[in-house]
Every structure is written in structure tokens, then in C-alpha cells.
PDB file of N, CA and C in Angstrom:
ATOM      1  N   UNK A   1     117.493  95.472 127.409  1.00  0.00           N
ATOM      2  CA  UNK A   1     116.794  95.085 126.996  1.00  0.00           C
ATOM      3  C   UNK A   1     116.451  95.788 125.449  1.00  0.00           C
ATOM      4  N   UNK A   2     116.147  94.329 124.622  1.00  0.00           N
ATOM      5  CA  UNK A   2     116.513  95.296 123.098  1.00  0.00           C
ATOM      6  C   UNK A   2     115.095  95.461 121.946  1.00  0.00           C
ATOM      7  N   UNK A   3     115.337  95.449 121.512  1.00  0.00           N
ATOM      8  CA  UNK A   3     114.600  96.185 120.432  1.00  0.00           C
ATOM      9  C   UNK A   3     112.853  95.195 120.574  1.00  0.00           C
ATOM     10  N   UNK A   4     113.222  94.569 120.009  1.00  0.00           N
ATOM     11  CA  UNK A   4     112.364  93.348 120.416  1.00  0.00           C
ATOM     12  C   UNK A   4     111.246  92.999 121.111  1.00  0.00           C
ATOM     13  N   UNK A   5     111.955  93.138 122.715  1.00  0.00           N
ATOM     14  CA  UNK A   5     111.336  93.386 124.045  1.00  0.00           C
ATOM     15  C   UNK A   5     110.550  94.564 124.662  1.00  0.00           C
ATOM     16  N   UNK A   6     111.160  96.085 123.552  1.00  0.00           N
ATOM     17  CA  UNK A   6     110.055  97.102 123.583  1.00  0.00           C
ATOM     18  C   UNK A   6     108.511  96.596 123.399  1.00  0.00           C
ATOM     19  N   UNK A   7     108.542  97.445 124.783  1.00  0.00           N
ATOM     20  CA  UNK A   7     106.493  97.107 124.507  1.00  0.00           C
ATOM     21  C   UNK A   7     106.224  99.073 124.082  1.00  0.00           C
ATOM     22  N   UNK A   8     105.339  98.437 123.165  1.00  0.00           N
ATOM     23  CA  UNK A   8     104.711  99.002 122.084  1.00  0.00           C
ATOM     24  C   UNK A   8     103.051  99.346 122.199  1.00  0.00           C
ATOM     25  N   UNK A   9     102.621 100.049 121.504  1.00  0.00           N
ATOM     26  CA  UNK A   9     100.918 100.106 121.398  1.00  0.00           C
ATOM     27  C   UNK A   9     101.296 100.082 119.965  1.00  0.00           C
ATOM     28  N   UNK A  10     100.048  98.963 119.491  1.00  0.00           N
ATOM     29  CA  UNK A  10      99.879  99.015 118.493  1.00  0.00           C
ATOM     30  C   UNK A  10      97.616  99.822 117.571  1.00  0.00           C
ATOM     31  N   UNK A  11      97.650 100.320 116.991  1.00  0.00           N
ATOM     32  CA  UNK A  11      96.350 100.932 116.825  1.00  0.00           C
ATOM     33  C   UNK A  11      96.533 100.796 115.437  1.00  0.00           C
ATOM     34  N   UNK A  12      95.196 100.098 114.656  1.00  0.00           N
ATOM     35  CA  UNK A  12      95.245  99.080 113.195  1.00  0.00           C
ATOM     36  C   UNK A  12      94.072  99.574 113.054  1.00  0.00           C
ATOM     37  N   UNK A  13      93.790 100.133 111.861  1.00  0.00           N
ATOM     38  CA  UNK A  13      92.691 100.389 111.797  1.00  0.00           C
ATOM     39  C   UNK A  13      92.051  99.372 110.357  1.00  0.00           C
ATOM     40  N   UNK A  14      90.954  98.653 110.398  1.00  0.00           N
ATOM     41  CA  UNK A  14      90.815  97.439 110.006  1.00  0.00           C
ATOM     42  C   UNK A  14      89.744  97.237 108.409  1.00  0.00           C
ATOM     43  N   UNK A  15      90.047  97.683 107.731  1.00  0.00           N
ATOM     44  CA  UNK A  15      89.088  98.129 106.964  1.00  0.00           C
ATOM     45  C   UNK A  15      88.212  96.627 105.625  1.00  0.00           C
ATOM     46  N   UNK A  16      87.562  96.675 105.360  1.00  0.00           N
ATOM     47  CA  UNK A  16      86.852  95.680 104.570  1.00  0.00           C
ATOM     48  C   UNK A  16      85.395  95.354 105.017  1.00  0.00           C
ATOM     49  N   UNK A  17      85.045  93.737 104.930  1.00  0.00           N
ATOM     50  CA  UNK A  17      84.010  93.095 105.530  1.00  0.00           C
ATOM     51  C   UNK A  17      84.482  92.386 106.518  1.00  0.00           C
ATOM     52  N   UNK A  18      84.839  93.440 107.406  1.00  0.00           N
ATOM     53  CA  UNK A  18      84.895  92.681 109.207  1.00  0.00           C
ATOM     54  C   UNK A  18      84.475  92.714 110.332  1.00  0.00           C
ATOM     55  N   UNK A  19      82.986  92.943 109.585  1.00  0.00           N
ATOM     56  CA  UNK A  19      82.104  93.217 111.068  1.00  0.00           C
ATOM     57  C   UNK A  19      80.547  92.305 110.260  1.00  0.00           C
ATOM     58  N   UNK A  20      80.151  91.136 111.829  1.00  0.00           N
ATOM     59  CA  UNK A  20      79.679  90.553 111.559  1.00  0.00           C
ATOM     60  C   UNK A  20      80.286  88.584 110.959  1.00  0.00           C
ATOM     61  N   UNK A  21      81.082  89.111 111.177  1.00  0.00           N
ATOM     62  CA  UNK A  21      81.790  87.780 110.968  1.00  0.00           C
ATOM     63  C   UNK A  21      82.657  86.874 111.745  1.00  0.00           C
ATOM     64  N   UNK A  22      83.068  87.309 112.746  1.00  0.00           N
ATOM     65  CA  UNK A  22      83.626  86.907 113.758  1.00  0.00           C
ATOM     66  C   UNK A  22      85.181  86.859 113.765  1.00  0.00           C
ATOM     67  N   UNK A  23      85.134  88.727 113.410  1.00  0.00           N
ATOM     68  CA  UNK A  23      86.497  88.629 113.430  1.00  0.00           C
ATOM     69  C   UNK A  23      86.773  89.279 114.057  1.00  0.00           C
ATOM     70  N   UNK A  24      86.083  89.909 115.083  1.00  0.00           N
ATOM     71  CA  UNK A  24      86.799  90.285 117.341  1.00  0.00           C
ATOM     72  C   UNK A  24      87.397  89.156 117.598  1.00  0.00           C
ATOM     73  N   UNK A  25      86.178  88.383 117.720  1.00  0.00           N
ATOM     74  CA  UNK A  25      86.705  87.070 118.371  1.00  0.00           C
ATOM     75  C   UNK A  25      87.703  86.662 118.002  1.00  0.00           C
ATOM     76  N   UNK A  26      88.461  86.571 116.391  1.00  0.00           N
ATOM     77  CA  UNK A  26      89.373  86.215 116.100  1.00  0.00           C
ATOM     78  C   UNK A  26      91.025  86.155 116.866  1.00  0.00           C
ATOM     79  N   UNK A  27      89.943  88.046 115.988  1.00  0.00           N
ATOM     80  CA  UNK A  27      91.871  89.333 116.694  1.00  0.00           C
ATOM     81  C   UNK A  27      91.525  89.192 118.295  1.00  0.00           C
ATOM     82  N   UNK A  28      90.838  88.730 118.833  1.00  0.00           N
ATOM     83  CA  UNK A  28      91.103  88.514 120.161  1.00  0.00           C
ATOM     84  C   UNK A  28      91.738  86.949 121.178  1.00  0.00           C
ATOM     85  N   UNK A  29      91.514  86.012 120.085  1.00  0.00           N
ATOM     86  CA  UNK A  29      92.118  84.330 119.645  1.00  0.00           C
ATOM     87  C   UNK A  29      93.831  84.831 119.720  1.00  0.00           C
ATOM     88  N   UNK A  30      93.879  85.701 118.703  1.00  0.00           N
ATOM     89  CA  UNK A  30      95.185  85.816 118.311  1.00  0.00           C
ATOM     90  C   UNK A  30      95.546  86.586 119.253  1.00  0.00           C
ATOM     91  N   UNK A  31      95.528  87.471 119.364  1.00  0.00           N
ATOM     92  CA  UNK A  31      95.737  88.616 120.574  1.00  0.00           C
ATOM     93  C   UNK A  31      96.649  88.154 121.971  1.00  0.00           C
ATOM     94  N   UNK A  32      95.385  87.243 122.661  1.00  0.00           N
ATOM     95  CA  UNK A  32      95.857  86.128 124.018  1.00  0.00           C
ATOM     96  C   UNK A  32      96.301  85.328 123.434  1.00  0.00           C
ATOM     97  N   UNK A  33      96.650  84.514 122.345  1.00  0.00           N
ATOM     98  CA  UNK A  33      98.075  83.570 122.149  1.00  0.00           C
ATOM     99  C   UNK A  33      98.935  83.725 122.340  1.00  0.00           C
ATOM    100  N   UNK A  34      99.064  85.549 121.417  1.00  0.00           N
ATOM    101  CA  UNK A  34     100.245  86.010 121.936  1.00  0.00           C
ATOM    102  C   UNK A  34     100.781  87.112 123.096  1.00  0.00           C
ATOM    103  N   UNK A  35     100.128  86.867 123.738  1.00  0.00           N
ATOM    104  CA  UNK A  35     100.263  87.430 125.157  1.00  0.00           C
ATOM    105  C   UNK A  35     100.244  89.330 125.224  1.00  0.00           C
ATOM    106  N   UNK A  36      98.683  89.529 124.390  1.00  0.00           N
ATOM    107  CA  UNK A  36      99.025  90.531 123.986  1.00  0.00           C
ATOM    108  C   UNK A  36      97.661  91.700 125.143  1.00  0.00           C
ATOM    109  N   UNK A  37      97.181  92.461 125.423  1.00  0.00           N
ATOM    110  CA  UNK A  37      96.608  93.164 125.838  1.00  0.00           C
ATOM    111  C   UNK A  37      96.045  94.124 124.857  1.00  0.00           C
ATOM    112  N   UNK A  38      94.746  95.242 125.259  1.00  0.00           N
ATOM    113  CA  UNK A  38      93.555  95.792 124.175  1.00  0.00           C
ATOM    114  C   UNK A  38      92.481  95.359 124.195  1.00  0.00           C
ATOM    115  N   UNK A  39      91.803  96.207 122.697  1.00  0.00           N
ATOM    116  CA  UNK A  39      90.297  95.868 122.300  1.00  0.00           C
ATOM    117  C   UNK A  39      90.164  95.798 121.149  1.00  0.00           C
ATOM    118  N   UNK A  40      89.414  95.098 120.643  1.00  0.00           N
ATOM    119  CA  UNK A  40      88.737  95.304 119.207  1.00  0.00           C
ATOM    120  C   UNK A  40      87.304  95.368 119.213  1.00  0.00           C
ATOM    121  N   UNK A  41      87.265  97.608 118.408  1.00  0.00           N
ATOM    122  CA  UNK A  41      86.239  97.541 118.134  1.00  0.00           C
ATOM    123  C   UNK A  41      85.875  97.908 116.975  1.00  0.00           C
ATOM    124  N   UNK A  42      84.152  97.361 116.731  1.00  0.00           N
ATOM    125  CA  UNK A  42      83.846  97.527 115.441  1.00  0.00           C
ATOM    126  C   UNK A  42      83.021  99.129 115.730  1.00  0.00           C
ATOM    127  N   UNK A  43      84.131  99.912 114.389  1.00  0.00           N
ATOM    128  CA  UNK A  43      83.397 101.694 114.057  1.00  0.00           C
ATOM    129  C   UNK A  43      82.586 101.662 113.460  1.00  0.00           C
ATOM    130  N   UNK A  44      81.666 102.946 113.364  1.00  0.00           N
ATOM    131  CA  UNK A  44      79.981 102.627 112.822  1.00  0.00           C
ATOM    132  C   UNK A  44      80.678 102.165 111.346  1.00  0.00           C
ATOM    133  N   UNK A  45      81.459 103.284 110.808  1.00  0.00           N
ATOM    134  CA  UNK A  45      82.018 102.815 109.555  1.00  0.00           C
ATOM    135  C   UNK A  45      82.171 101.651 108.402  1.00  0.00           C
ATOM    136  N   UNK A  46      81.774 101.338 109.201  1.00  0.00           N
ATOM    137  CA  UNK A  46      82.372  99.347 108.875  1.00  0.00           C
ATOM    138  C   UNK A  46      83.619  98.997 109.493  1.00  0.00           C
ATOM    139  N   UNK A  47      84.279  99.450 109.472  1.00  0.00           N
ATOM    140  CA  UNK A  47      86.034  99.682 109.905  1.00  0.00           C
ATOM    141  C   UNK A  47      85.567  98.349 111.505  1.00  0.00           C
ATOM    142  N   UNK A  48      86.878  97.442 112.085  1.00  0.00           N
ATOM    143  CA  UNK A  48      87.549  97.206 113.267  1.00  0.00           C
ATOM    144  C   UNK A  48      88.707  98.100 114.259  1.00  0.00           C
ATOM    145  N   UNK A  49      88.816  98.480 114.780  1.00  0.00           N
ATOM    146  CA  UNK A  49      90.002  99.519 115.311  1.00  0.00           C
ATOM    147  C   UNK A  49      90.421  98.506 116.365  1.00  0.00           C
ATOM    148  N   UNK A  50      92.102  98.472 115.956  1.00  0.00           N
ATOM    149  CA  UNK A  50      92.527  97.271 116.693  1.00  0.00           C
ATOM    150  C   UNK A  50      93.635  97.746 117.400  1.00  0.00           C
ATOM    151  N   UNK A  51      93.563  97.923 119.283  1.00  0.00           N
ATOM    152  CA  UNK A  51      94.708  98.372 119.926  1.00  0.00           C
ATOM    153  C   UNK A  51      95.405  97.085 120.525  1.00  0.00           C
ATOM    154  N   UNK A  52      96.534  97.094 120.561  1.00  0.00           N
ATOM    155  CA  UNK A  52      97.488  95.851 121.517  1.00  0.00           C
ATOM    156  C   UNK A  52      98.805  96.741 122.020  1.00  0.00           C
ATOM    157  N   UNK A  53      98.888  95.685 123.280  1.00  0.00           N
ATOM    158  CA  UNK A  53     100.065  96.081 123.724  1.00  0.00           C
ATOM    159  C   UNK A  53     100.350  94.949 123.997  1.00  0.00           C
ATOM    160  N   UNK A  54     101.820  95.442 123.798  1.00  0.00           N
ATOM    161  CA  UNK A  54     102.629  94.228 124.769  1.00  0.00           C
ATOM    162  C   UNK A  54     104.294  94.850 124.034  1.00  0.00           C
ATOM    163  N   UNK A  55     105.157  93.467 123.925  1.00  0.00           N
ATOM    164  CA  UNK A  55     105.663  92.932 122.973  1.00  0.00           C
ATOM    165  C   UNK A  55     106.231  94.059 121.215  1.00  0.00           C
ATOM    166  N   UNK A  56     107.081  94.244 121.269  1.00  0.00           N
ATOM    167  CA  UNK A  56     107.465  94.437 119.564  1.00  0.00           C
ATOM    168  C   UNK A  56     106.694  93.613 118.901  1.00  0.00           C
ATOM    169  N   UNK A  57     107.833  92.162 118.932  1.00  0.00           N
ATOM    170  CA  UNK A  57     108.097  91.372 118.068  1.00  0.00           C
ATOM    171  C   UNK A  57     106.306  90.438 118.234  1.00  0.00           C
ATOM    172  N   UNK A  58     105.169  90.795 119.280  1.00  0.00           N
ATOM    173  CA  UNK A  58     103.688  90.109 119.470  1.00  0.00           C
ATOM    174  C   UNK A  58     103.189  91.404 118.799  1.00  0.00           C
ATOM    175  N   UNK A  59     103.585  92.149 119.012  1.00  0.00           N
ATOM    176  CA  UNK A  59     102.361  93.003 117.963  1.00  0.00           C
ATOM    177  C   UNK A  59     102.435  93.027 116.893  1.00  0.00           C
ATOM    178  N   UNK A  60     104.049  93.092 116.393  1.00  0.00           N
ATOM    179  CA  UNK A  60     104.050  92.981 114.826  1.00  0.00           C
ATOM    180  C   UNK A  60     103.397  91.352 114.497  1.00  0.00           C
ATOM    181  N   UNK A  61     103.549  90.270 115.219  1.00  0.00           N
ATOM    182  CA  UNK A  61     103.041  89.021 114.389  1.00  0.00           C
ATOM    183  C   UNK A  61     101.024  89.152 114.444  1.00  0.00           C
ATOM    184  N   UNK A  62     101.116  90.526 115.506  1.00  0.00           N
ATOM    185  CA  UNK A  62      99.499  90.005 115.235  1.00  0.00           C
ATOM    186  C   UNK A  62      98.975  91.246 113.513  1.00  0.00           C
ATOM    187  N   UNK A  63      99.926  91.983 113.731  1.00  0.00           N
ATOM    188  CA  UNK A  63      99.556  92.734 112.283  1.00  0.00           C
ATOM    189  C   UNK A  63      99.748  92.258 111.473  1.00  0.00           C
ATOM    190  N   UNK A  64     100.732  91.738 111.359  1.00  0.00           N
ATOM    191  CA  UNK A  64     101.167  89.781 109.774  1.00  0.00           C
ATOM    192  C   UNK A  64      99.923  89.201 109.751  1.00  0.00           C
ATOM    193  N   UNK A  65      99.533  89.102 111.127  1.00  0.00           N
ATOM    194  CA  UNK A  65      97.944  88.095 111.092  1.00  0.00           C
ATOM    195  C   UNK A  65      96.635  88.512 110.364  1.00  0.00           C
ATOM    196  N   UNK A  66      96.683  90.571 110.752  1.00  0.00           N
ATOM    197  CA  UNK A  66      95.463  90.807 110.671  1.00  0.00           C
ATOM    198  C   UNK A  66      95.729  91.112 108.968  1.00  0.00           C
ATOM    199  N   UNK A  67      96.635  90.931 108.189  1.00  0.00           N
ATOM    200  CA  UNK A  67      97.516  91.139 106.779  1.00  0.00           C
ATOM    201  C   UNK A  67      96.753  89.839 106.458  1.00  0.00           C
ATOM    202  N   UNK A  68      96.847  89.014 107.030  1.00  0.00           N
ATOM    203  CA  UNK A  68      97.056  87.533 106.116  1.00  0.00           C
ATOM    204  C   UNK A  68      96.393  86.297 105.444  1.00  0.00           C
ATOM    205  N   UNK A  69      95.717  86.819 105.284  1.00  0.00           N
ATOM    206  CA  UNK A  69      93.797  86.919 104.359  1.00  0.00           C
ATOM    207  C   UNK A  69      93.555  85.402 105.180  1.00  0.00           C
ATOM    208  N   UNK A  70      94.028  85.236 106.559  1.00  0.00           N
ATOM    209  CA  UNK A  70      93.314  84.145 106.672  1.00  0.00           C
ATOM    210  C   UNK A  70      92.235  84.422 108.161  1.00  0.00           C
ATOM    211  N   UNK A  71      91.850  85.269 107.676  1.00  0.00           N
ATOM    212  CA  UNK A  71      91.029  86.151 108.918  1.00  0.00           C
ATOM    213  C   UNK A  71      89.813  86.150 108.458  1.00  0.00           C
ATOM    214  N   UNK A  72      88.822  85.808 109.134  1.00  0.00           N
ATOM    215  CA  UNK A  72      86.687  86.272 109.044  1.00  0.00           C
ATOM    216  C   UNK A  72      87.269  87.097 107.870  1.00  0.00           C
ATOM    217  N   UNK A  73      85.759  87.054 107.372  1.00  0.00           N
ATOM    218  CA  UNK A  73      85.335  88.406 106.767  1.00  0.00           C
ATOM    219  C   UNK A  73      86.711  88.151 105.124  1.00  0.00           C
ATOM    220  N   UNK A  74      87.093  89.696 105.028  1.00  0.00           N
ATOM    221  CA  UNK A  74      88.040  89.814 104.130  1.00  0.00           C
ATOM    222  C   UNK A  74      88.431  91.298 104.709  1.00  0.00           C
ATOM    223  N   UNK A  75      89.807  91.168 104.555  1.00  0.00           N
ATOM    224  CA  UNK A  75      90.449  92.343 104.855  1.00  0.00           C
ATOM    225  C   UNK A  75      91.039  93.047 103.465  1.00  0.00           C
ATOM    226  N   UNK A  76      90.889  94.490 103.501  1.00  0.00           N
ATOM    227  CA  UNK A  76      91.057  95.095 102.520  1.00  0.00           C
ATOM    228  C   UNK A  76      92.254  95.775 102.933  1.00  0.00           C
ATOM    229  N   UNK A  77      92.735  96.316 104.132  1.00  0.00           N
ATOM    230  CA  UNK A  77      94.047  97.159 103.889  1.00  0.00           C
ATOM    231  C   UNK A  77      93.681  97.533 104.969  1.00  0.00           C
ATOM    232  N   UNK A  78      94.781  96.999 105.969  1.00  0.00           N
ATOM    233  CA  UNK A  78      95.459  97.525 107.420  1.00  0.00           C
ATOM    234  C   UNK A  78      96.416  98.632 107.527  1.00  0.00           C
ATOM    235  N   UNK A  79      95.710  99.946 108.460  1.00  0.00           N
ATOM    236  CA  UNK A  79      96.199 101.165 108.493  1.00  0.00           C
ATOM    237  C   UNK A  79      96.513 100.353 110.125  1.00  0.00           C
ATOM    238  N   UNK A  80      98.185 101.277 110.347  1.00  0.00           N
ATOM    239  CA  UNK A  80      98.093 101.333 111.869  1.00  0.00           C
ATOM    240  C   UNK A  80      99.157 101.757 111.140  1.00  0.00           C
ATOM    241  N   UNK A  81      98.955 102.481 113.452  1.00  0.00           N
ATOM    242  CA  UNK A  81     100.437 103.354 114.258  1.00  0.00           C
ATOM    243  C   UNK A  81     100.482 102.910 115.089  1.00  0.00           C
ATOM    244  N   UNK A  82     102.183 103.401 115.436  1.00  0.00           N
ATOM    245  CA  UNK A  82     103.032 102.660 116.291  1.00  0.00           C
ATOM    246  C   UNK A  82     102.883 104.147 117.813  1.00  0.00           C
ATOM    247  N   UNK A  83     102.906 103.947 118.697  1.00  0.00           N
ATOM    248  CA  UNK A  83     103.589 104.330 119.990  1.00  0.00           C
ATOM    249  C   UNK A  83     104.054 103.978 121.248  1.00  0.00           C
ATOM    250  N   UNK A  84     104.417 104.544 122.094  1.00  0.00           N
ATOM    251  CA  UNK A  84     104.421 103.391 123.327  1.00  0.00           C
ATOM    252  C   UNK A  84     103.848 103.165 123.972  1.00  0.00           C
ATOM    253  N   UNK A  85     104.165 101.744 124.687  1.00  0.00           N
ATOM    254  CA  UNK A  85     103.394 101.076 125.181  1.00  0.00           C
ATOM    255  C   UNK A  85     102.498 102.414 126.599  1.00  0.00           C
ATOM    256  N   UNK A  86     101.350 102.158 126.996  1.00  0.00           N
ATOM    257  CA  UNK A  86     100.535 103.330 128.093  1.00  0.00           C
ATOM    258  C   UNK A  86     100.390 102.315 129.198  1.00  0.00           C
ATOM    259  N   UNK A  87     100.342 100.760 129.728  1.00  0.00           N
ATOM    260  CA  UNK A  87     100.611 100.322 130.827  1.00  0.00           C
ATOM    261  C   UNK A  87      98.154  99.978 131.435  1.00  0.00           C
ATOM    262  N   UNK A  88      98.069 100.500 130.376  1.00  0.00           N
ATOM    263  CA  UNK A  88      96.335 101.301 131.185  1.00  0.00           C
ATOM    264  C   UNK A  88      95.530 100.151 130.455  1.00  0.00           C
ATOM    265  N   UNK A  89      95.492  98.278 130.356  1.00  0.00           N
ATOM    266  CA  UNK A  89      94.354  97.701 129.802  1.00  0.00           C
ATOM    267  C   UNK A  89      94.677  96.682 130.846  1.00  0.00           C
ATOM    268  N   UNK A  90      93.936  95.542 130.367  1.00  0.00           N
ATOM    269  CA  UNK A  90      94.116  94.457 131.147  1.00  0.00           C
ATOM    270  C   UNK A  90      93.302  93.178 129.908  1.00  0.00           C
ATOM    271  N   UNK A  91      93.777  92.304 130.035  1.00  0.00           N
ATOM    272  CA  UNK A  91      92.861  91.548 129.218  1.00  0.00           C
ATOM    273  C   UNK A  91      92.718  92.107 127.996  1.00  0.00           C
ATOM    274  N   UNK A  92      91.877  91.290 126.873  1.00  0.00           N
ATOM    275  CA  UNK A  92      91.458  92.116 125.364  1.00  0.00           C
ATOM    276  C   UNK A  92      90.893  91.911 125.334  1.00  0.00           C
ATOM    277  N   UNK A  93      89.815  92.646 124.863  1.00  0.00           N
ATOM    278  CA  UNK A  93      88.239  92.795 125.138  1.00  0.00           C
ATOM    279  C   UNK A  93      87.369  92.632 123.850  1.00  0.00           C
ATOM    280  N   UNK A  94      86.360  92.057 123.476  1.00  0.00           N
ATOM    281  CA  UNK A  94      85.823  92.696 122.097  1.00  0.00           C
ATOM    282  C   UNK A  94      84.609  93.643 122.338  1.00  0.00           C
ATOM    283  N   UNK A  95      85.028  94.408 121.808  1.00  0.00           N
ATOM    284  CA  UNK A  95      83.873  96.344 122.147  1.00  0.00           C
ATOM    285  C   UNK A  95      82.785  96.216 121.229  1.00  0.00           C
TER     286      UNK A  95
END
């Protein structure tokens, strides 16, 4: 299994005007298209926390999309961290 096939967990804190604009729905749609599991959750401080698991290439593509400028609302910063996949999620939820 190559590095691109490695299963990983991406945690991304998305800053900007990303609540109340369909951002979580949009993120869920992109994640499902990429075959990822996880969730997009509104934080009290106005950020959205995106957690996604799947192939490294697919998670990296989701991260690119979050930073693309083509999202609902306005993303000003995305802070990501990576770890090995835990395999404890099914589907992709908006929370």
C-alpha cells in the first residue's frame, strides 16, 4: 500500500464567515463525493470543525477544497492536523 492509499484522519478548523451559510452541507457533499467519513461541526466561536477519514489523497483534496475560495461563506484560514485513521466513524454528518 503506497502513501497515497494510507488511511488518515484530517482535523481542520475552518475560520471565517462559515456558519449559517450552508458551509457544513457543502463540506458534507464534497466529503461524500470523495468517499470520506466524518463530520462538520459548528463551534461556539464561529469556526467549523471538519473531521474526515479516508485515503490520504482524498483527505488532502478535501483540504484543498476547503481552502479553494469556492465554498459558501468566506474562509479566512484553515488550520489542519493529521493523524492515523481510527476507523470509528460511518457516513458524514453535519453537527
